[in-house]
Amino acid sequence: MYEPDEECREMIARIGRLCNQRHITQHALAKKAGLSTSTISYLFSKKTKPQVYTILQICKALDISICELFEQDAQKIEKSFSSEEENFICNFRKLSDKKKLFLKSCMNLLLQSGDKSF
C-alpha cells in the first residue's frame, strides 16, 4: 500500500543525504533554491511537508531532476558516475550560470561535430 507520509520522509532523507555528500548546509541549500531557511529547516525537522514547487526548486539547487530524486536513492545517483565524471560534475556545479551555458554550448558543438577520432 502506498504511504504518502512515508514517501515524503524518505524523499527528505534522500535530499539530506545528497546535501551531506555534497557538503551543502541547510542555509546554502535554501539560498541556492531561493527558499527561506525556515522552509528548509521545517522540512528537515518534519514540521511541514513540501509543496511540489519547493521540491522542484530544491532539485534545481542540487542539479538533479525530480525523476532522479524519486526513482533512485541519492547514493545511487552519486555512485552511478566514475570518479572522473563525478569530478567533472562537481566542477560544473561550481560554475556560474553563464559559464555553465557556455560549457553546454561547447559540449553540444562537440557532439554535433560527428568527429569520432577526436
PDB file of N, CA and C in Angstrom:
ATOM      1  N   MET A   1       0.840  -1.186   0.000  1.00  0.00           N
ATOM      2  CA  MET A   1       0.000   0.000   0.000  1.00  0.00           C
ATOM      3  C   MET A   1       0.886   1.250   0.000  1.00  0.00           C
ATOM      4  N   TYR A   2       0.560   2.183  -0.832  1.00  0.00           N
ATOM      5  CA  TYR A   2       1.321   3.428  -0.959  1.00  0.00           C
ATOM      6  C   TYR A   2       1.068   4.324   0.251  1.00  0.00           C
ATOM      7  N   GLU A   3       2.137   4.784   0.861  1.00  0.00           N
ATOM      8  CA  GLU A   3       2.055   5.643   2.041  1.00  0.00           C
ATOM      9  C   GLU A   3       2.698   6.996   1.739  1.00  0.00           C
ATOM     10  N   PRO A   4       1.909   8.026   1.429  1.00  0.00           N
ATOM     11  CA  PRO A   4       2.471   9.343   1.099  1.00  0.00           C
ATOM     12  C   PRO A   4       3.363   9.924   2.205  1.00  0.00           C
ATOM     13  N   ASP A   5       2.974   9.740   3.457  1.00  0.00           N
ATOM     14  CA  ASP A   5       3.784  10.275   4.556  1.00  0.00           C
ATOM     15  C   ASP A   5       5.162   9.615   4.597  1.00  0.00           C
ATOM     16  N   GLU A   6       5.198   8.301   4.395  1.00  0.00           N
ATOM     17  CA  GLU A   6       6.471   7.581   4.393  1.00  0.00           C
ATOM     18  C   GLU A   6       7.319   7.992   3.194  1.00  0.00           C
ATOM     19  N   GLU A   7       6.698   8.125   2.022  1.00  0.00           N
ATOM     20  CA  GLU A   7       7.423   8.555   0.819  1.00  0.00           C
ATOM     21  C   GLU A   7       8.013   9.951   1.027  1.00  0.00           C
ATOM     22  N   CYS A   8       7.279  10.822   1.680  1.00  0.00           N
ATOM     23  CA  CYS A   8       7.765  12.169   1.960  1.00  0.00           C
ATOM     24  C   CYS A   8       8.974  12.119   2.898  1.00  0.00           C
ATOM     25  N   ARG A   9       8.903  11.297   3.946  1.00  0.00           N
ATOM     26  CA  ARG A   9      10.038  11.160   4.874  1.00  0.00           C
ATOM     27  C   ARG A   9      11.272  10.632   4.145  1.00  0.00           C
ATOM     28  N   GLU A  10      11.073   9.649   3.275  1.00  0.00           N
ATOM     29  CA  GLU A  10      12.192   9.079   2.520  1.00  0.00           C
ATOM     30  C   GLU A  10      12.779  10.101   1.549  1.00  0.00           C
ATOM     31  N   MET A  11      11.921  10.902   0.930  1.00  0.00           N
ATOM     32  CA  MET A  11      12.384  11.922  -0.004  1.00  0.00           C
ATOM     33  C   MET A  11      13.235  12.964   0.713  1.00  0.00           C
ATOM     34  N   ILE A  12      12.779  13.423   1.865  1.00  0.00           N
ATOM     35  CA  ILE A  12      13.528  14.403   2.647  1.00  0.00           C
ATOM     36  C   ILE A  12      14.858  13.787   3.096  1.00  0.00           C
ATOM     37  N   ALA A  13      14.837  12.509   3.460  1.00  0.00           N
ATOM     38  CA  ALA A  13      16.075  11.827   3.845  1.00  0.00           C
ATOM     39  C   ALA A  13      17.045  11.763   2.661  1.00  0.00           C
ATOM     40  N   ARG A  14      16.526  11.498   1.444  1.00  0.00           N
ATOM     41  CA  ARG A  14      17.385  11.467   0.252  1.00  0.00           C
ATOM     42  C   ARG A  14      17.992  12.846  -0.001  1.00  0.00           C
ATOM     43  N   ILE A  15      17.196  13.885   0.154  1.00  0.00           N
ATOM     44  CA  ILE A  15      17.706  15.251  -0.016  1.00  0.00           C
ATOM     45  C   ILE A  15      18.792  15.518   1.018  1.00  0.00           C
ATOM     46  N   GLY A  16      18.557  15.096   2.240  1.00  0.00           N
ATOM     47  CA  GLY A  16      19.555  15.272   3.299  1.00  0.00           C
ATOM     48  C   GLY A  16      20.856  14.551   2.987  1.00  0.00           C
ATOM     49  N   ARG A  17      20.754  13.318   2.467  1.00  0.00           N
ATOM     50  CA  ARG A  17      21.970  12.568   2.115  1.00  0.00           C
ATOM     51  C   ARG A  17      22.727  13.245   0.979  1.00  0.00           C
ATOM     52  N   LEU A  18      21.989  13.741  -0.013  1.00  0.00           N
ATOM     53  CA  LEU A  18      22.636  14.462  -1.110  1.00  0.00           C
ATOM     54  C   LEU A  18      23.370  15.697  -0.595  1.00  0.00           C
ATOM     55  N   CYS A  19      22.719  16.427   0.276  1.00  0.00           N
ATOM     56  CA  CYS A  19      23.357  17.624   0.855  1.00  0.00           C
ATOM     57  C   CYS A  19      24.614  17.241   1.625  1.00  0.00           C
ATOM     58  N   ASN A  20      24.531  16.188   2.413  1.00  0.00           N
ATOM     59  CA  ASN A  20      25.706  15.739   3.175  1.00  0.00           C
ATOM     60  C   ASN A  20      26.838  15.326   2.244  1.00  0.00           C
ATOM     61  N   GLN A  21      26.519  14.572   1.200  1.00  0.00           N
ATOM     62  CA  GLN A  21      27.536  14.119   0.249  1.00  0.00           C
ATOM     63  C   GLN A  21      28.206  15.286  -0.457  1.00  0.00           C
ATOM     64  N   ARG A  22      27.441  16.336  -0.682  1.00  0.00           N
ATOM     65  CA  ARG A  22      27.959  17.490  -1.428  1.00  0.00           C
ATOM     66  C   ARG A  22      28.417  18.615  -0.505  1.00  0.00           C
ATOM     67  N   HIS A  23      28.362  18.366   0.786  1.00  0.00           N
ATOM     68  CA  HIS A  23      28.780  19.346   1.797  1.00  0.00           C
ATOM     69  C   HIS A  23      27.995  20.656   1.650  1.00  0.00           C
ATOM     70  N   ILE A  24      26.688  20.524   1.480  1.00  0.00           N
ATOM     71  CA  ILE A  24      25.796  21.671   1.357  1.00  0.00           C
ATOM     72  C   ILE A  24      25.006  21.797   2.656  1.00  0.00           C
ATOM     73  N   THR A  25      25.111  22.933   3.302  1.00  0.00           N
ATOM     74  CA  THR A  25      24.369  23.162   4.537  1.00  0.00           C
ATOM     75  C   THR A  25      22.918  23.493   4.200  1.00  0.00           C
ATOM     76  N   GLN A  26      22.070  23.436   5.211  1.00  0.00           N
ATOM     77  CA  GLN A  26      20.670  23.805   5.006  1.00  0.00           C
ATOM     78  C   GLN A  26      20.570  25.264   4.561  1.00  0.00           C
ATOM     79  N   HIS A  27      21.393  26.113   5.154  1.00  0.00           N
ATOM     80  CA  HIS A  27      21.383  27.536   4.784  1.00  0.00           C
ATOM     81  C   HIS A  27      21.779  27.704   3.315  1.00  0.00           C
ATOM     82  N   ALA A  28      22.840  26.995   2.889  1.00  0.00           N
ATOM     83  CA  ALA A  28      23.296  27.091   1.492  1.00  0.00           C
ATOM     84  C   ALA A  28      22.239  26.541   0.540  1.00  0.00           C
ATOM     85  N   LEU A  29      21.588  25.447   0.913  1.00  0.00           N
ATOM     86  CA  LEU A  29      20.531  24.876   0.086  1.00  0.00           C
ATOM     87  C   LEU A  29      19.387  25.869  -0.071  1.00  0.00           C
ATOM     88  N   ALA A  30      18.981  26.474   1.032  1.00  0.00           N
ATOM     89  CA  ALA A  30      17.895  27.451   0.985  1.00  0.00           C
ATOM     90  C   ALA A  30      18.247  28.608   0.057  1.00  0.00           C
ATOM     91  N   LYS A  31      19.462  29.119   0.201  1.00  0.00           N
ATOM     92  CA  LYS A  31      19.890  30.254  -0.620  1.00  0.00           C
ATOM     93  C   LYS A  31      19.916  29.874  -2.097  1.00  0.00           C
ATOM     94  N   LYS A  32      20.509  28.728  -2.405  1.00  0.00           N
ATOM     95  CA  LYS A  32      20.623  28.284  -3.792  1.00  0.00           C
ATOM     96  C   LYS A  32      19.261  27.975  -4.408  1.00  0.00           C
ATOM     97  N   ALA A  33      18.327  27.482  -3.585  1.00  0.00           N
ATOM     98  CA  ALA A  33      16.983  27.128  -4.068  1.00  0.00           C
ATOM     99  C   ALA A  33      16.035  28.322  -4.076  1.00  0.00           C
ATOM    100  N   GLY A  34      16.472  29.444  -3.512  1.00  0.00           N
ATOM    101  CA  GLY A  34      15.597  30.612  -3.450  1.00  0.00           C
ATOM    102  C   GLY A  34      14.469  30.451  -2.447  1.00  0.00           C
ATOM    103  N   LEU A  35      14.747  29.692  -1.389  1.00  0.00           N
ATOM    104  CA  LEU A  35      13.753  29.432  -0.346  1.00  0.00           C
ATOM    105  C   LEU A  35      14.238  30.019   0.970  1.00  0.00           C
ATOM    106  N   SER A  36      13.334  30.192   1.896  1.00  0.00           N
ATOM    107  CA  SER A  36      13.743  30.699   3.207  1.00  0.00           C
ATOM    108  C   SER A  36      14.424  29.577   3.996  1.00  0.00           C
ATOM    109  N   THR A  37      15.302  29.968   4.889  1.00  0.00           N
ATOM    110  CA  THR A  37      15.974  28.968   5.724  1.00  0.00           C
ATOM    111  C   THR A  37      14.968  28.271   6.628  1.00  0.00           C
ATOM    112  N   SER A  38      13.912  28.985   7.018  1.00  0.00           N
ATOM    113  CA  SER A  38      12.901  28.346   7.864  1.00  0.00           C
ATOM    114  C   SER A  38      12.140  27.269   7.096  1.00  0.00           C
ATOM    115  N   THR A  39      11.898  27.474   5.808  1.00  0.00           N
ATOM    116  CA  THR A  39      11.234  26.453   4.994  1.00  0.00           C
ATOM    117  C   THR A  39      12.057  25.174   4.981  1.00  0.00           C
ATOM    118  N   ILE A  40      13.355  25.314   4.724  1.00  0.00           N
ATOM    119  CA  ILE A  40      14.246  24.144   4.688  1.00  0.00           C
ATOM    120  C   ILE A  40      14.334  23.509   6.073  1.00  0.00           C
ATOM    121  N   SER A  41      14.461  24.324   7.094  1.00  0.00           N
ATOM    122  CA  SER A  41      14.552  23.815   8.458  1.00  0.00           C
ATOM    123  C   SER A  41      13.289  23.037   8.837  1.00  0.00           C
ATOM    124  N   TYR A  42      12.124  23.570   8.501  1.00  0.00           N
ATOM    125  CA  TYR A  42      10.863  22.889   8.804  1.00  0.00           C
ATOM    126  C   TYR A  42      10.752  21.556   8.060  1.00  0.00           C
ATOM    127  N   LEU A  43      11.252  21.519   6.812  1.00  0.00           N
ATOM    128  CA  LEU A  43      11.221  20.261   6.055  1.00  0.00           C
ATOM    129  C   LEU A  43      12.072  19.197   6.726  1.00  0.00           C
ATOM    130  N   PHE A  44      13.311  19.561   7.076  1.00  0.00           N
ATOM    131  CA  PHE A  44      14.217  18.583   7.668  1.00  0.00           C
ATOM    132  C   PHE A  44      13.809  18.176   9.085  1.00  0.00           C
ATOM    133  N   SER A  45      13.115  19.065   9.784  1.00  0.00           N
ATOM    134  CA  SER A  45      12.667  18.715  11.134  1.00  0.00           C
ATOM    135  C   SER A  45      11.274  18.069  11.119  1.00  0.00           C
ATOM    136  N   LYS A  46      10.743  17.852   9.916  1.00  0.00           N
ATOM    137  CA  LYS A  46       9.449  17.188   9.706  1.00  0.00           C
ATOM    138  C   LYS A  46       8.268  17.963  10.298  1.00  0.00           C
ATOM    139  N   LYS A  47       8.427  19.293  10.397  1.00  0.00           N
ATOM    140  CA  LYS A  47       7.329  20.125  10.890  1.00  0.00           C
ATOM    141  C   LYS A  47       6.347  20.482   9.781  1.00  0.00           C
ATOM    142  N   THR A  48       6.773  20.281   8.544  1.00  0.00           N
ATOM    143  CA  THR A  48       5.914  20.585   7.403  1.00  0.00           C
ATOM    144  C   THR A  48       6.239  19.630   6.259  1.00  0.00           C
ATOM    145  N   LYS A  49       5.334  19.548   5.319  1.00  0.00           N
ATOM    146  CA  LYS A  49       5.547  18.747   4.114  1.00  0.00           C
ATOM    147  C   LYS A  49       5.709  19.717   2.950  1.00  0.00           C
ATOM    148  N   PRO A  50       6.593  19.400   2.005  1.00  0.00           N
ATOM    149  CA  PRO A  50       6.886  20.351   0.929  1.00  0.00           C
ATOM    150  C   PRO A  50       5.811  20.392  -0.149  1.00  0.00           C
ATOM    151  N   GLN A  51       5.693  21.556  -0.750  1.00  0.00           N
ATOM    152  CA  GLN A  51       4.868  21.721  -1.942  1.00  0.00           C
ATOM    153  C   GLN A  51       5.696  21.262  -3.136  1.00  0.00           C
ATOM    154  N   VAL A  52       5.053  20.953  -4.233  1.00  0.00           N
ATOM    155  CA  VAL A  52       5.749  20.472  -5.426  1.00  0.00           C
ATOM    156  C   VAL A  52       6.774  21.503  -5.897  1.00  0.00           C
ATOM    157  N   TYR A  53       6.401  22.774  -5.929  1.00  0.00           N
ATOM    158  CA  TYR A  53       7.323  23.805  -6.399  1.00  0.00           C
ATOM    159  C   TYR A  53       8.569  23.877  -5.517  1.00  0.00           C
ATOM    160  N   THR A  54       8.404  23.675  -4.223  1.00  0.00           N
ATOM    161  CA  THR A  54       9.545  23.667  -3.307  1.00  0.00           C
ATOM    162  C   THR A  54      10.501  22.536  -3.661  1.00  0.00           C
ATOM    163  N   ILE A  55       9.961  21.358  -3.939  1.00  0.00           N
ATOM    164  CA  ILE A  55      10.793  20.217  -4.322  1.00  0.00           C
ATOM    165  C   ILE A  55      11.500  20.502  -5.647  1.00  0.00           C
ATOM    166  N   LEU A  56      10.801  21.109  -6.590  1.00  0.00           N
ATOM    167  CA  LEU A  56      11.428  21.447  -7.869  1.00  0.00           C
ATOM    168  C   LEU A  56      12.575  22.428  -7.670  1.00  0.00           C
ATOM    169  N   GLN A  57      12.401  23.406  -6.794  1.00  0.00           N
ATOM    170  CA  GLN A  57      13.462  24.375  -6.509  1.00  0.00           C
ATOM    171  C   GLN A  57      14.660  23.685  -5.843  1.00  0.00           C
ATOM    172  N   ILE A  58      14.396  22.758  -4.945  1.00  0.00           N
ATOM    173  CA  ILE A  58      15.468  22.014  -4.275  1.00  0.00           C
ATOM    174  C   ILE A  58      16.223  21.161  -5.294  1.00  0.00           C
ATOM    175  N   CYS A  59      15.497  20.497  -6.184  1.00  0.00           N
ATOM    176  CA  CYS A  59      16.147  19.691  -7.224  1.00  0.00           C
ATOM    177  C   CYS A  59      17.021  20.560  -8.112  1.00  0.00           C
ATOM    178  N   LYS A  60      16.529  21.728  -8.479  1.00  0.00           N
ATOM    179  CA  LYS A  60      17.330  22.643  -9.298  1.00  0.00           C
ATOM    180  C   LYS A  60      18.600  23.033  -8.549  1.00  0.00           C
ATOM    181  N   ALA A  61      18.469  23.326  -7.271  1.00  0.00           N
ATOM    182  CA  ALA A  61      19.631  23.713  -6.464  1.00  0.00           C
ATOM    183  C   ALA A  61      20.643  22.579  -6.343  1.00  0.00           C
ATOM    184  N   LEU A  62      20.163  21.347  -6.320  1.00  0.00           N
ATOM    185  CA  LEU A  62      21.047  20.181  -6.222  1.00  0.00           C
ATOM    186  C   LEU A  62      21.495  19.679  -7.596  1.00  0.00           C
ATOM    187  N   ASP A  63      20.996  20.324  -8.640  1.00  0.00           N
ATOM    188  CA  ASP A  63      21.340  19.978 -10.016  1.00  0.00           C
ATOM    189  C   ASP A  63      20.964  18.536 -10.355  1.00  0.00           C
ATOM    190  N   ILE A  64      19.766  18.139  -9.925  1.00  0.00           N
ATOM    191  CA  ILE A  64      19.202  16.836 -10.269  1.00  0.00           C
ATOM    192  C   ILE A  64      17.779  17.057 -10.760  1.00  0.00           C
ATOM    193  N   SER A  65      17.259  16.082 -11.476  1.00  0.00           N
ATOM    194  CA  SER A  65      15.865  16.169 -11.903  1.00  0.00           C
ATOM    195  C   SER A  65      14.981  15.599 -10.797  1.00  0.00           C
ATOM    196  N   ILE A  66      13.736  15.944 -10.846  1.00  0.00           N
ATOM    197  CA  ILE A  66      12.801  15.407  -9.864  1.00  0.00           C
ATOM    198  C   ILE A  66      12.682  13.894 -10.046  1.00  0.00           C
ATOM    199  N   CYS A  67      12.845  13.412 -11.280  1.00  0.00           N
ATOM    200  CA  CYS A  67      12.820  11.966 -11.534  1.00  0.00           C
ATOM    201  C   CYS A  67      13.954  11.265 -10.800  1.00  0.00           C
ATOM    202  N   GLU A  68      15.151  11.868 -10.837  1.00  0.00           N
ATOM    203  CA  GLU A  68      16.285  11.274 -10.130  1.00  0.00           C
ATOM    204  C   GLU A  68      16.023  11.211  -8.634  1.00  0.00           C
ATOM    205  N   LEU A  69      15.369  12.232  -8.118  1.00  0.00           N
ATOM    206  CA  LEU A  69      15.075  12.258  -6.683  1.00  0.00           C
ATOM    207  C   LEU A  69      14.130  11.126  -6.300  1.00  0.00           C
ATOM    208  N   PHE A  70      13.135  10.857  -7.130  1.00  0.00           N
ATOM    209  CA  PHE A  70      12.145   9.851  -6.789  1.00  0.00           C
ATOM    210  C   PHE A  70      12.494   8.450  -7.254  1.00  0.00           C
ATOM    211  N   GLU A  71      13.205   8.321  -8.357  1.00  0.00           N
ATOM    212  CA  GLU A  71      13.475   6.997  -8.911  1.00  0.00           C
ATOM    213  C   GLU A  71      14.664   6.305  -8.282  1.00  0.00           C
ATOM    214  N   GLN A  72      15.603   7.071  -7.785  1.00  0.00           N
ATOM    215  CA  GLN A  72      16.818   6.476  -7.263  1.00  0.00           C
ATOM    216  C   GLN A  72      17.119   7.035  -5.883  1.00  0.00           C
ATOM    217  N   ASP A  73      17.766   6.221  -5.099  1.00  0.00           N
ATOM    218  CA  ASP A  73      18.290   6.682  -3.829  1.00  0.00           C
ATOM    219  C   ASP A  73      19.435   7.635  -4.130  1.00  0.00           C
ATOM    220  N   ALA A  74      19.624   8.648  -3.324  1.00  0.00           N
ATOM    221  CA  ALA A  74      20.657   9.652  -3.568  1.00  0.00           C
ATOM    222  C   ALA A  74      22.039   9.028  -3.717  1.00  0.00           C
ATOM    223  N   GLN A  75      22.340   7.987  -2.965  1.00  0.00           N
ATOM    224  CA  GLN A  75      23.644   7.337  -3.074  1.00  0.00           C
ATOM    225  C   GLN A  75      23.822   6.707  -4.443  1.00  0.00           C
ATOM    226  N   LYS A  76      22.762   6.168  -5.022  1.00  0.00           N
ATOM    227  CA  LYS A  76      22.847   5.557  -6.344  1.00  0.00           C
ATOM    228  C   LYS A  76      23.121   6.616  -7.400  1.00  0.00           C
ATOM    229  N   ILE A  77      22.589   7.809  -7.228  1.00  0.00           N
ATOM    230  CA  ILE A  77      22.839   8.898  -8.167  1.00  0.00           C
ATOM    231  C   ILE A  77      24.326   9.208  -8.179  1.00  0.00           C
ATOM    232  N   GLU A  78      24.888   9.369  -7.000  1.00  0.00           N
ATOM    233  CA  GLU A  78      26.305   9.713  -6.898  1.00  0.00           C
ATOM    234  C   GLU A  78      27.195   8.571  -7.365  1.00  0.00           C
ATOM    235  N   LYS A  79      26.850   7.331  -7.044  1.00  0.00           N
ATOM    236  CA  LYS A  79      27.707   6.197  -7.366  1.00  0.00           C
ATOM    237  C   LYS A  79      27.580   5.751  -8.816  1.00  0.00           C
ATOM    238  N   SER A  80      26.646   6.316  -9.555  1.00  0.00           N
ATOM    239  CA  SER A  80      26.493   5.912 -10.939  1.00  0.00           C
ATOM    240  C   SER A  80      27.549   6.550 -11.836  1.00  0.00           C
ATOM    241  N   PHE A  81      28.336   7.467 -11.302  1.00  0.00           N
ATOM    242  CA  PHE A  81      29.367   8.153 -12.068  1.00  0.00           C
ATOM    243  C   PHE A  81      30.742   7.603 -11.738  1.00  0.00           C
ATOM    244  N   SER A  82      31.621   7.605 -12.738  1.00  0.00           N
ATOM    245  CA  SER A  82      33.022   7.287 -12.466  1.00  0.00           C
ATOM    246  C   SER A  82      33.620   8.470 -11.706  1.00  0.00           C
ATOM    247  N   SER A  83      34.786   8.287 -11.124  1.00  0.00           N
ATOM    248  CA  SER A  83      35.392   9.380 -10.362  1.00  0.00           C
ATOM    249  C   SER A  83      35.691  10.571 -11.268  1.00  0.00           C
ATOM    250  N   GLU A  84      36.055  10.317 -12.516  1.00  0.00           N
ATOM    251  CA  GLU A  84      36.316  11.414 -13.458  1.00  0.00           C
ATOM    252  C   GLU A  84      35.028  12.174 -13.755  1.00  0.00           C
ATOM    253  N   GLU A  85      33.939  11.432 -13.969  1.00  0.00           N
ATOM    254  CA  GLU A  85      32.645  12.075 -14.219  1.00  0.00           C
ATOM    255  C   GLU A  85      32.175  12.839 -12.989  1.00  0.00           C
ATOM    256  N   GLU A  86      32.343  12.238 -11.833  1.00  0.00           N
ATOM    257  CA  GLU A  86      31.935  12.894 -10.595  1.00  0.00           C
ATOM    258  C   GLU A  86      32.712  14.189 -10.400  1.00  0.00           C
ATOM    259  N   ASN A  87      34.015  14.164 -10.692  1.00  0.00           N
ATOM    260  CA  ASN A  87      34.841  15.361 -10.582  1.00  0.00           C
ATOM    261  C   ASN A  87      34.352  16.432 -11.559  1.00  0.00           C
ATOM    262  N   PHE A  88      34.026  16.018 -12.782  1.00  0.00           N
ATOM    263  CA  PHE A  88      33.519  16.943 -13.790  1.00  0.00           C
ATOM    264  C   PHE A  88      32.211  17.581 -13.308  1.00  0.00           C
ATOM    265  N   ILE A  89      31.328  16.754 -12.781  1.00  0.00           N
ATOM    266  CA  ILE A  89      30.033  17.246 -12.312  1.00  0.00           C
ATOM    267  C   ILE A  89      30.208  18.204 -11.128  1.00  0.00           C
ATOM    268  N   CYS A  90      31.085  17.847 -10.199  1.00  0.00           N
ATOM    269  CA  CYS A  90      31.336  18.725  -9.048  1.00  0.00           C
ATOM    270  C   CYS A  90      31.868  20.074  -9.516  1.00  0.00           C
ATOM    271  N   ASN A  91      32.795  20.055 -10.478  1.00  0.00           N
ATOM    272  CA  ASN A  91      33.333  21.311 -11.001  1.00  0.00           C
ATOM    273  C   ASN A  91      32.269  22.093 -11.767  1.00  0.00           C
ATOM    274  N   PHE A  92      31.427  21.382 -12.515  1.00  0.00           N
ATOM    275  CA  PHE A  92      30.346  22.026 -13.246  1.00  0.00           C
ATOM    276  C   PHE A  92      29.417  22.778 -12.291  1.00  0.00           C
ATOM    277  N   ARG A  93      29.109  22.153 -11.163  1.00  0.00           N
ATOM    278  CA  ARG A  93      28.200  22.765 -10.190  1.00  0.00           C
ATOM    279  C   ARG A  93      28.771  24.044  -9.578  1.00  0.00           C
ATOM    280  N   LYS A  94      30.079  24.195  -9.615  1.00  0.00           N
ATOM    281  CA  LYS A  94      30.726  25.376  -9.046  1.00  0.00           C
ATOM    282  C   LYS A  94      30.717  26.564 -10.004  1.00  0.00           C
ATOM    283  N   LEU A  95      30.419  26.308 -11.276  1.00  0.00           N
ATOM    284  CA  LEU A  95      30.441  27.365 -12.272  1.00  0.00           C
ATOM    285  C   LEU A  95      29.248  28.299 -12.145  1.00  0.00           C
ATOM    286  N   SER A  96      29.431  29.517 -12.627  1.00  0.00           N
ATOM    287  CA  SER A  96      28.310  30.451 -12.699  1.00  0.00           C
ATOM    288  C   SER A  96      27.340  29.958 -13.778  1.00  0.00           C
ATOM    289  N   ASP A  97      26.122  30.470 -13.755  1.00  0.00           N
ATOM    290  CA  ASP A  97      25.133  30.070 -14.759  1.00  0.00           C
ATOM    291  C   ASP A  97      25.616  30.402 -16.172  1.00  0.00           C
ATOM    292  N   LYS A  98      26.295  31.531 -16.317  1.00  0.00           N
ATOM    293  CA  LYS A  98      26.809  31.947 -17.628  1.00  0.00           C
ATOM    294  C   LYS A  98      27.866  30.961 -18.127  1.00  0.00           C
ATOM    295  N   LYS A  99      28.763  30.531 -17.234  1.00  0.00           N
ATOM    296  CA  LYS A  99      29.805  29.577 -17.621  1.00  0.00           C
ATOM    297  C   LYS A  99      29.213  28.196 -17.893  1.00  0.00           C
ATOM    298  N   LYS A 100      28.177  27.822 -17.157  1.00  0.00           N
ATOM    299  CA  LYS A 100      27.507  26.545 -17.420  1.00  0.00           C
ATOM    300  C   LYS A 100      26.897  26.549 -18.817  1.00  0.00           C
ATOM    301  N   LEU A 101      26.270  27.649 -19.182  1.00  0.00           N
ATOM    302  CA  LEU A 101      25.662  27.770 -20.503  1.00  0.00           C
ATOM    303  C   LEU A 101      26.728  27.666 -21.591  1.00  0.00           C
ATOM    304  N   PHE A 102      27.873  28.319 -21.390  1.00  0.00           N
ATOM    305  CA  PHE A 102      28.968  28.257 -22.347  1.00  0.00           C
ATOM    306  C   PHE A 102      29.470  26.818 -22.493  1.00  0.00           C
ATOM    307  N   LEU A 103      29.659  26.133 -21.378  1.00  0.00           N
ATOM    308  CA  LEU A 103      30.142  24.755 -21.410  1.00  0.00           C
ATOM    309  C   LEU A 103      29.142  23.837 -22.116  1.00  0.00           C
ATOM    310  N   LYS A 104      27.861  24.030 -21.847  1.00  0.00           N
ATOM    311  CA  LYS A 104      26.824  23.229 -22.520  1.00  0.00           C
ATOM    312  C   LYS A 104      26.880  23.452 -24.031  1.00  0.00           C
ATOM    313  N   SER A 105      27.100  24.697 -24.454  1.00  0.00           N
ATOM    314  CA  SER A 105      27.208  25.003 -25.879  1.00  0.00           C
ATOM    315  C   SER A 105      28.410  24.293 -26.492  1.00  0.00           C
ATOM    316  N   CYS A 106      29.536  24.311 -25.783  1.00  0.00           N
ATOM    317  CA  CYS A 106      30.741  23.620 -26.262  1.00  0.00           C
ATOM    318  C   CYS A 106      30.484  22.120 -26.390  1.00  0.00           C
ATOM    319  N   MET A 107      29.831  21.545 -25.398  1.00  0.00           N
ATOM    320  CA  MET A 107      29.535  20.119 -25.447  1.00  0.00           C
ATOM    321  C   MET A 107      28.625  19.794 -26.621  1.00  0.00           C
ATOM    322  N   ASN A 108      27.631  20.632 -26.864  1.00  0.00           N
ATOM    323  CA  ASN A 108      26.725  20.404 -27.993  1.00  0.00           C
ATOM    324  C   ASN A 108      27.479  20.463 -29.315  1.00  0.00           C
ATOM    325  N   LEU A 109      28.403  21.410 -29.445  1.00  0.00           N
ATOM    326  CA  LEU A 109      29.204  21.501 -30.666  1.00  0.00           C
ATOM    327  C   LEU A 109      30.050  20.241 -30.856  1.00  0.00           C
ATOM    328  N   LEU A 110      30.660  19.758 -29.789  1.00  0.00           N
ATOM    329  CA  LEU A 110      31.462  18.535 -29.879  1.00  0.00           C
ATOM    330  C   LEU A 110      30.607  17.345 -30.283  1.00  0.00           C
ATOM    331  N   LEU A 111      29.426  17.249 -29.707  1.00  0.00           N
ATOM    332  CA  LEU A 111      28.533  16.130 -30.030  1.00  0.00           C
ATOM    333  C   LEU A 111      28.033  16.201 -31.469  1.00  0.00           C
ATOM    334  N   GLN A 112      27.799  17.408 -31.953  1.00  0.00           N
ATOM    335  CA  GLN A 112      27.276  17.590 -33.304  1.00  0.00           C
ATOM    336  C   GLN A 112      28.352  17.452 -34.374  1.00  0.00           C
ATOM    337  N   SER A 113      29.609  17.577 -33.974  1.00  0.00           N
ATOM    338  CA  SER A 113      30.690  17.548 -34.964  1.00  0.00           C
ATOM    339  C   SER A 113      30.798  16.187 -35.648  1.00  0.00           C
ATOM    340  N   GLY A 114      30.407  15.144 -34.958  1.00  0.00           N
ATOM    341  CA  GLY A 114      30.446  13.816 -35.558  1.00  0.00           C
ATOM    342  C   GLY A 114      31.836  13.262 -35.737  1.00  0.00           C
ATOM    343  N   ASP A 115      32.846  13.971 -35.288  1.00  0.00           N
ATOM    344  CA  ASP A 115      34.237  13.522 -35.432  1.00  0.00           C
ATOM    345  C   ASP A 115      34.561  12.567 -34.294  1.00  0.00           C
ATOM    346  N   LYS A 116      34.607  11.290 -34.627  1.00  0.00           N
ATOM    347  CA  LYS A 116      34.848  10.251 -33.623  1.00  0.00           C
ATOM    348  C   LYS A 116      36.326  10.110 -33.280  1.00  0.00           C
ATOM    349  N   SER A 117      37.221  10.663 -34.096  1.00  0.00           N
ATOM    350  CA  SER A 117      38.655  10.493 -33.850  1.00  0.00           C
ATOM    351  C   SER A 117      39.183  11.471 -32.812  1.00  0.00           C
ATOM    352  N   PHE A 118      38.405  12.476 -32.462  1.00  0.00           N
ATOM    353  CA  PHE A 118      38.864  13.492 -31.523  1.00  0.00           C
ATOM    354  C   PHE A 118      38.716  13.035 -30.114  1.00  0.00           C
TER     355      PHE A 118
END
